[in-house]
Amino acid sequence: MKIKNKIDPDYEYYKLGVKYYRNIHPNQFYKRNTDTTFQTKTYEELAAALNKINLSFNLSMHYFKIIINNYSDSPYFEDSKKKIKLLSKLYKSYKNIMIEENKIINNDKFITDMGLKIL
C-alpha cells in the first residue's frame, strides 16, 4: 500500500497497523441481537470472519514490523513491539480455529482463552 504522508511515514505505517489490528476481535463470530443477547453467525459468515481476521493478523504484523525494522527512532517503535508480542499471543488462540479442518470448537474454552465474559 502506498503511504500518503511522506514526512512521517512511520506514523502512516502505524495507523495502517492499528487499522488492521482493530479487526482482530472475537465479536466477529457473533451477532448482537436487539435484546443484547448474542447469536452465532452462519458457517459462511464465520468463514468470512476468519478470513478477515487472518488477513488482519498478517497486515497488522506487516506494518508494525516495517516500523521496527526501518524506524527505530520512531515514537511508535515501542508500541509496535508490544502489539507484535500481543499479536503473537492472539494468533495462538485463533490458530486452533480452522474452517478447513471442520474442528469442533469448545466455546467455553475459547471464551476463557480470549479472556471474555458472557453476561
N, C-alpha and C. Protein backbone atom coordinates (compact mmCIF):
# COMPACT_ATOMS: atom_id res chain seq x y z
N MET A 1 0.84 -1.17 0.00
CA MET A 1 0.00 0.00 0.00
C MET A 1 0.89 1.24 0.00
N LYS A 2 0.55 2.18 -0.83
CA LYS A 2 1.31 3.41 -0.92
C LYS A 2 0.89 4.36 0.20
N ILE A 3 1.86 4.89 0.91
CA ILE A 3 1.53 5.79 2.01
C ILE A 3 1.40 7.21 1.48
N LYS A 4 0.56 7.99 2.15
CA LYS A 4 0.26 9.35 1.71
C LYS A 4 1.20 10.38 2.31
N ASN A 5 1.56 10.19 3.56
CA ASN A 5 2.34 11.16 4.29
C ASN A 5 3.83 10.85 4.16
N LYS A 6 4.50 11.58 3.30
CA LYS A 6 5.94 11.35 3.06
C LYS A 6 6.80 11.91 4.19
N ILE A 7 6.26 12.84 4.96
CA ILE A 7 7.03 13.47 6.04
C ILE A 7 7.14 12.55 7.24
N ASP A 8 6.04 11.89 7.59
CA ASP A 8 6.01 10.96 8.73
C ASP A 8 5.56 9.58 8.29
N PRO A 9 6.36 8.86 7.52
CA PRO A 9 5.91 7.54 7.04
C PRO A 9 5.70 6.55 8.18
N ASP A 10 6.46 6.69 9.26
CA ASP A 10 6.28 5.78 10.39
C ASP A 10 4.88 5.91 10.98
N TYR A 11 4.38 7.14 11.02
CA TYR A 11 3.02 7.36 11.52
C TYR A 11 1.99 6.72 10.59
N GLU A 12 2.19 6.82 9.30
CA GLU A 12 1.27 6.22 8.34
C GLU A 12 1.27 4.70 8.46
N TYR A 13 2.46 4.12 8.60
CA TYR A 13 2.54 2.67 8.78
C TYR A 13 1.88 2.24 10.09
N TYR A 14 2.10 3.03 11.13
CA TYR A 14 1.50 2.73 12.42
C TYR A 14 -0.03 2.78 12.33
N LYS A 15 -0.56 3.80 11.68
CA LYS A 15 -2.02 3.91 11.51
C LYS A 15 -2.57 2.71 10.76
N LEU A 16 -1.87 2.27 9.72
CA LEU A 16 -2.32 1.09 8.98
C LEU A 16 -2.28 -0.15 9.85
N GLY A 17 -1.21 -0.29 10.63
CA GLY A 17 -1.12 -1.43 11.54
C GLY A 17 -2.27 -1.46 12.53
N VAL A 18 -2.58 -0.30 13.10
CA VAL A 18 -3.67 -0.20 14.08
C VAL A 18 -5.02 -0.47 13.41
N LYS A 19 -5.18 0.01 12.20
CA LYS A 19 -6.43 -0.20 11.45
C LYS A 19 -6.74 -1.70 11.35
N TYR A 20 -5.75 -2.49 10.96
CA TYR A 20 -5.97 -3.93 10.82
C TYR A 20 -5.98 -4.64 12.17
N TYR A 21 -5.21 -4.13 13.11
CA TYR A 21 -5.16 -4.69 14.46
C TYR A 21 -6.55 -4.68 15.09
N ARG A 22 -7.32 -3.63 14.82
CA ARG A 22 -8.67 -3.49 15.39
C ARG A 22 -9.65 -4.53 14.83
N ASN A 23 -9.33 -5.10 13.69
CA ASN A 23 -10.21 -6.12 13.10
C ASN A 23 -10.10 -7.47 13.78
N ILE A 24 -9.13 -7.63 14.64
CA ILE A 24 -8.88 -8.92 15.28
C ILE A 24 -9.64 -8.95 16.60
N HIS A 25 -10.89 -9.34 16.52
CA HIS A 25 -11.73 -9.35 17.72
C HIS A 25 -12.77 -10.46 17.59
N PRO A 26 -12.98 -11.22 18.65
CA PRO A 26 -13.92 -12.35 18.57
C PRO A 26 -15.37 -11.93 18.40
N ASN A 27 -15.68 -10.65 18.51
CA ASN A 27 -17.07 -10.24 18.32
C ASN A 27 -17.54 -10.47 16.89
N GLN A 28 -16.63 -10.73 15.99
CA GLN A 28 -17.00 -11.01 14.61
C GLN A 28 -17.65 -12.38 14.46
N PHE A 29 -17.59 -13.21 15.50
CA PHE A 29 -18.17 -14.55 15.44
C PHE A 29 -19.64 -14.58 15.87
N TYR A 30 -20.11 -13.48 16.40
CA TYR A 30 -21.47 -13.44 16.93
C TYR A 30 -22.22 -12.22 16.40
N LYS A 31 -23.53 -12.37 16.32
CA LYS A 31 -24.42 -11.25 16.00
C LYS A 31 -25.04 -10.79 17.32
N ARG A 32 -25.07 -9.51 17.52
CA ARG A 32 -25.72 -8.99 18.73
C ARG A 32 -27.18 -8.74 18.42
N ASN A 33 -28.06 -9.35 19.18
CA ASN A 33 -29.49 -9.17 18.99
C ASN A 33 -29.96 -7.89 19.69
N THR A 34 -31.14 -7.44 19.34
CA THR A 34 -31.67 -6.21 19.94
C THR A 34 -31.89 -6.34 21.43
N ASP A 35 -32.08 -7.56 21.93
CA ASP A 35 -32.26 -7.76 23.37
C ASP A 35 -30.93 -7.96 24.09
N THR A 36 -29.84 -7.60 23.45
CA THR A 36 -28.45 -7.67 23.94
C THR A 36 -27.92 -9.09 24.11
N THR A 37 -28.62 -10.09 23.61
CA THR A 37 -28.08 -11.44 23.59
C THR A 37 -27.26 -11.61 22.31
N PHE A 38 -26.52 -12.69 22.25
CA PHE A 38 -25.67 -12.95 21.09
C PHE A 38 -26.13 -14.22 20.38
N GLN A 39 -25.92 -14.24 19.10
CA GLN A 39 -26.29 -15.39 18.27
C GLN A 39 -25.10 -15.72 17.37
N THR A 40 -24.80 -17.00 17.26
CA THR A 40 -23.70 -17.43 16.39
C THR A 40 -24.06 -17.15 14.94
N LYS A 41 -23.08 -16.73 14.17
CA LYS A 41 -23.29 -16.46 12.75
C LYS A 41 -23.33 -17.78 11.96
N THR A 42 -23.77 -17.68 10.72
CA THR A 42 -23.81 -18.86 9.85
C THR A 42 -22.39 -19.30 9.52
N TYR A 43 -22.28 -20.51 9.01
CA TYR A 43 -20.97 -21.05 8.63
C TYR A 43 -20.27 -20.13 7.63
N GLU A 44 -21.00 -19.63 6.65
CA GLU A 44 -20.41 -18.75 5.63
C GLU A 44 -19.92 -17.45 6.26
N GLU A 45 -20.71 -16.91 7.18
CA GLU A 45 -20.30 -15.68 7.87
C GLU A 45 -19.08 -15.93 8.75
N LEU A 46 -19.04 -17.09 9.41
CA LEU A 46 -17.88 -17.43 10.23
C LEU A 46 -16.63 -17.59 9.38
N ALA A 47 -16.76 -18.23 8.23
CA ALA A 47 -15.62 -18.41 7.33
C ALA A 47 -15.11 -17.05 6.86
N ALA A 48 -16.02 -16.15 6.52
CA ALA A 48 -15.62 -14.81 6.08
C ALA A 48 -14.94 -14.05 7.22
N ALA A 49 -15.47 -14.19 8.43
CA ALA A 49 -14.87 -13.52 9.60
C ALA A 49 -13.46 -14.05 9.85
N LEU A 50 -13.28 -15.37 9.76
CA LEU A 50 -11.95 -15.94 9.96
C LEU A 50 -10.97 -15.48 8.89
N ASN A 51 -11.44 -15.39 7.66
CA ASN A 51 -10.57 -14.88 6.59
C ASN A 51 -10.17 -13.44 6.86
N LYS A 52 -11.12 -12.63 7.29
CA LYS A 52 -10.84 -11.23 7.59
C LYS A 52 -9.85 -11.11 8.75
N ILE A 53 -10.06 -11.93 9.77
CA ILE A 53 -9.16 -11.90 10.93
C ILE A 53 -7.76 -12.36 10.52
N ASN A 54 -7.67 -13.41 9.72
CA ASN A 54 -6.37 -13.91 9.27
C ASN A 54 -5.64 -12.84 8.45
N LEU A 55 -6.34 -12.21 7.54
CA LEU A 55 -5.75 -11.14 6.75
C LEU A 55 -5.31 -9.99 7.65
N SER A 56 -6.13 -9.66 8.62
CA SER A 56 -5.80 -8.57 9.54
C SER A 56 -4.57 -8.88 10.38
N PHE A 57 -4.43 -10.14 10.82
CA PHE A 57 -3.22 -10.54 11.54
C PHE A 57 -1.99 -10.25 10.68
N ASN A 58 -2.02 -10.73 9.45
CA ASN A 58 -0.86 -10.59 8.58
C ASN A 58 -0.55 -9.14 8.25
N LEU A 59 -1.58 -8.36 7.94
CA LEU A 59 -1.35 -6.97 7.58
C LEU A 59 -0.89 -6.12 8.76
N SER A 60 -1.51 -6.31 9.91
CA SER A 60 -1.08 -5.52 11.07
C SER A 60 0.35 -5.89 11.46
N MET A 61 0.67 -7.17 11.45
CA MET A 61 2.04 -7.60 11.74
C MET A 61 3.02 -6.99 10.74
N HIS A 62 2.65 -6.99 9.48
CA HIS A 62 3.50 -6.44 8.42
C HIS A 62 3.81 -4.96 8.68
N TYR A 63 2.79 -4.17 8.95
CA TYR A 63 3.01 -2.73 9.14
C TYR A 63 3.77 -2.42 10.42
N PHE A 64 3.51 -3.16 11.50
CA PHE A 64 4.27 -2.95 12.73
C PHE A 64 5.74 -3.36 12.54
N LYS A 65 5.98 -4.42 11.76
CA LYS A 65 7.36 -4.84 11.51
C LYS A 65 8.11 -3.81 10.66
N ILE A 66 7.42 -3.14 9.76
CA ILE A 66 8.07 -2.08 8.98
C ILE A 66 8.62 -1.02 9.93
N ILE A 67 7.82 -0.65 10.92
CA ILE A 67 8.28 0.36 11.89
C ILE A 67 9.48 -0.16 12.66
N ILE A 68 9.41 -1.38 13.13
CA ILE A 68 10.50 -1.95 13.92
C ILE A 68 11.78 -2.08 13.10
N ASN A 69 11.64 -2.50 11.85
CA ASN A 69 12.81 -2.72 11.01
C ASN A 69 13.41 -1.45 10.42
N ASN A 70 12.59 -0.42 10.21
CA ASN A 70 13.07 0.76 9.49
C ASN A 70 13.04 2.07 10.25
N TYR A 71 12.35 2.11 11.38
CA TYR A 71 12.17 3.37 12.09
C TYR A 71 12.41 3.19 13.59
N SER A 72 13.62 2.82 13.95
CA SER A 72 13.92 2.54 15.36
C SER A 72 13.84 3.78 16.24
N ASP A 73 13.89 4.96 15.65
CA ASP A 73 13.79 6.20 16.43
C ASP A 73 12.36 6.75 16.45
N SER A 74 11.42 5.99 15.93
CA SER A 74 10.03 6.42 15.85
C SER A 74 9.37 6.42 17.23
N PRO A 75 8.47 7.37 17.47
CA PRO A 75 7.72 7.33 18.73
C PRO A 75 6.75 6.13 18.80
N TYR A 76 6.56 5.45 17.68
CA TYR A 76 5.66 4.29 17.61
C TYR A 76 6.41 2.97 17.70
N PHE A 77 7.72 3.04 17.83
CA PHE A 77 8.57 1.84 17.85
C PHE A 77 8.20 0.89 19.00
N GLU A 78 8.18 1.41 20.22
CA GLU A 78 7.91 0.56 21.39
C GLU A 78 6.50 -0.01 21.36
N ASP A 79 5.53 0.80 20.99
CA ASP A 79 4.16 0.30 20.93
C ASP A 79 4.02 -0.75 19.84
N SER A 80 4.71 -0.57 18.74
CA SER A 80 4.67 -1.58 17.67
C SER A 80 5.23 -2.90 18.16
N LYS A 81 6.31 -2.86 18.94
CA LYS A 81 6.87 -4.09 19.50
C LYS A 81 5.88 -4.77 20.44
N LYS A 82 5.19 -3.97 21.25
CA LYS A 82 4.20 -4.53 22.18
C LYS A 82 3.04 -5.16 21.41
N LYS A 83 2.62 -4.49 20.36
CA LYS A 83 1.50 -5.01 19.59
C LYS A 83 1.87 -6.31 18.87
N ILE A 84 3.09 -6.41 18.39
CA ILE A 84 3.54 -7.65 17.75
C ILE A 84 3.56 -8.79 18.77
N LYS A 85 4.00 -8.49 19.97
CA LYS A 85 4.02 -9.52 21.02
C LYS A 85 2.59 -9.98 21.34
N LEU A 86 1.66 -9.03 21.42
CA LEU A 86 0.27 -9.39 21.68
C LEU A 86 -0.33 -10.13 20.49
N LEU A 87 0.00 -9.72 19.28
CA LEU A 87 -0.49 -10.42 18.09
C LEU A 87 -0.03 -11.88 18.10
N SER A 88 1.18 -12.12 18.52
CA SER A 88 1.70 -13.49 18.59
C SER A 88 0.88 -14.32 19.57
N LYS A 89 0.53 -13.74 20.71
CA LYS A 89 -0.30 -14.45 21.69
C LYS A 89 -1.70 -14.70 21.14
N LEU A 90 -2.28 -13.67 20.55
CA LEU A 90 -3.63 -13.81 20.00
C LEU A 90 -3.67 -14.86 18.90
N TYR A 91 -2.62 -14.89 18.09
CA TYR A 91 -2.58 -15.83 16.98
C TYR A 91 -2.65 -17.27 17.48
N LYS A 92 -2.02 -17.54 18.61
CA LYS A 92 -2.06 -18.89 19.18
C LYS A 92 -3.51 -19.28 19.52
N SER A 93 -4.29 -18.32 19.97
CA SER A 93 -5.69 -18.61 20.28
C SER A 93 -6.51 -18.86 19.02
N TYR A 94 -6.25 -18.07 18.00
CA TYR A 94 -7.04 -18.17 16.78
C TYR A 94 -6.60 -19.32 15.87
N LYS A 95 -5.35 -19.74 15.96
CA LYS A 95 -4.87 -20.75 15.01
C LYS A 95 -5.56 -22.10 15.18
N ASN A 96 -6.18 -22.31 16.34
CA ASN A 96 -6.91 -23.56 16.58
C ASN A 96 -8.26 -23.59 15.87
N ILE A 97 -8.66 -22.47 15.31
CA ILE A 97 -9.95 -22.40 14.62
C ILE A 97 -9.67 -22.41 13.13
N MET A 98 -9.77 -23.56 12.54
CA MET A 98 -9.53 -23.69 11.11
C MET A 98 -10.76 -24.25 10.44
N ILE A 99 -11.37 -23.46 9.60
CA ILE A 99 -12.59 -23.87 8.90
C ILE A 99 -12.35 -25.13 8.07
N GLU A 100 -11.20 -25.18 7.41
CA GLU A 100 -10.91 -26.29 6.51
C GLU A 100 -10.88 -27.64 7.23
N GLU A 101 -10.52 -27.63 8.50
CA GLU A 101 -10.38 -28.88 9.23
C GLU A 101 -11.68 -29.34 9.88
N ASN A 102 -12.72 -28.53 9.83
CA ASN A 102 -14.01 -28.85 10.44
C ASN A 102 -13.87 -29.28 11.90
N LYS A 103 -13.03 -28.59 12.65
CA LYS A 103 -12.89 -28.89 14.06
C LYS A 103 -14.12 -28.40 14.81
N ILE A 104 -14.42 -29.08 15.88
CA ILE A 104 -15.47 -28.59 16.77
C ILE A 104 -14.78 -27.75 17.83
N ILE A 105 -15.25 -26.52 17.95
CA ILE A 105 -14.63 -25.58 18.89
C ILE A 105 -15.39 -25.62 20.21
N ASN A 106 -14.67 -25.73 21.29
CA ASN A 106 -15.26 -25.68 22.61
C ASN A 106 -15.45 -24.20 22.94
N ASN A 107 -16.70 -23.72 22.87
CA ASN A 107 -16.98 -22.30 23.09
C ASN A 107 -16.54 -21.82 24.46
N ASP A 108 -16.76 -22.63 25.49
CA ASP A 108 -16.37 -22.23 26.84
C ASP A 108 -14.86 -22.04 26.93
N LYS A 109 -14.11 -22.95 26.34
CA LYS A 109 -12.65 -22.83 26.36
C LYS A 109 -12.21 -21.61 25.56
N PHE A 110 -12.81 -21.37 24.41
CA PHE A 110 -12.45 -20.21 23.58
C PHE A 110 -12.71 -18.92 24.34
N ILE A 111 -13.87 -18.84 24.99
CA ILE A 111 -14.22 -17.63 25.73
C ILE A 111 -13.24 -17.41 26.88
N THR A 112 -12.88 -18.47 27.58
CA THR A 112 -11.91 -18.37 28.66
C THR A 112 -10.54 -17.98 28.13
N ASP A 113 -10.09 -18.64 27.06
CA ASP A 113 -8.77 -18.35 26.47
C ASP A 113 -8.67 -16.91 25.99
N MET A 114 -9.76 -16.36 25.47
CA MET A 114 -9.75 -15.00 24.96
C MET A 114 -9.98 -13.96 26.07
N GLY A 115 -10.25 -14.43 27.28
CA GLY A 115 -10.46 -13.51 28.40
C GLY A 115 -11.81 -12.80 28.35
N LEU A 116 -12.80 -13.44 27.76
CA LEU A 116 -14.12 -12.84 27.61
C LEU A 116 -15.03 -13.26 28.76
N LYS A 117 -16.07 -12.48 28.97
CA LYS A 117 -17.09 -12.83 29.97
C LYS A 117 -18.44 -12.75 29.30
N ILE A 118 -19.26 -13.75 29.51
CA ILE A 118 -20.61 -13.76 28.98
C ILE A 118 -21.53 -13.25 30.10
N LEU A 119 -22.30 -12.25 29.76
CA LEU A 119 -23.21 -11.66 30.77
C LEU A 119 -24.54 -12.35 30.75
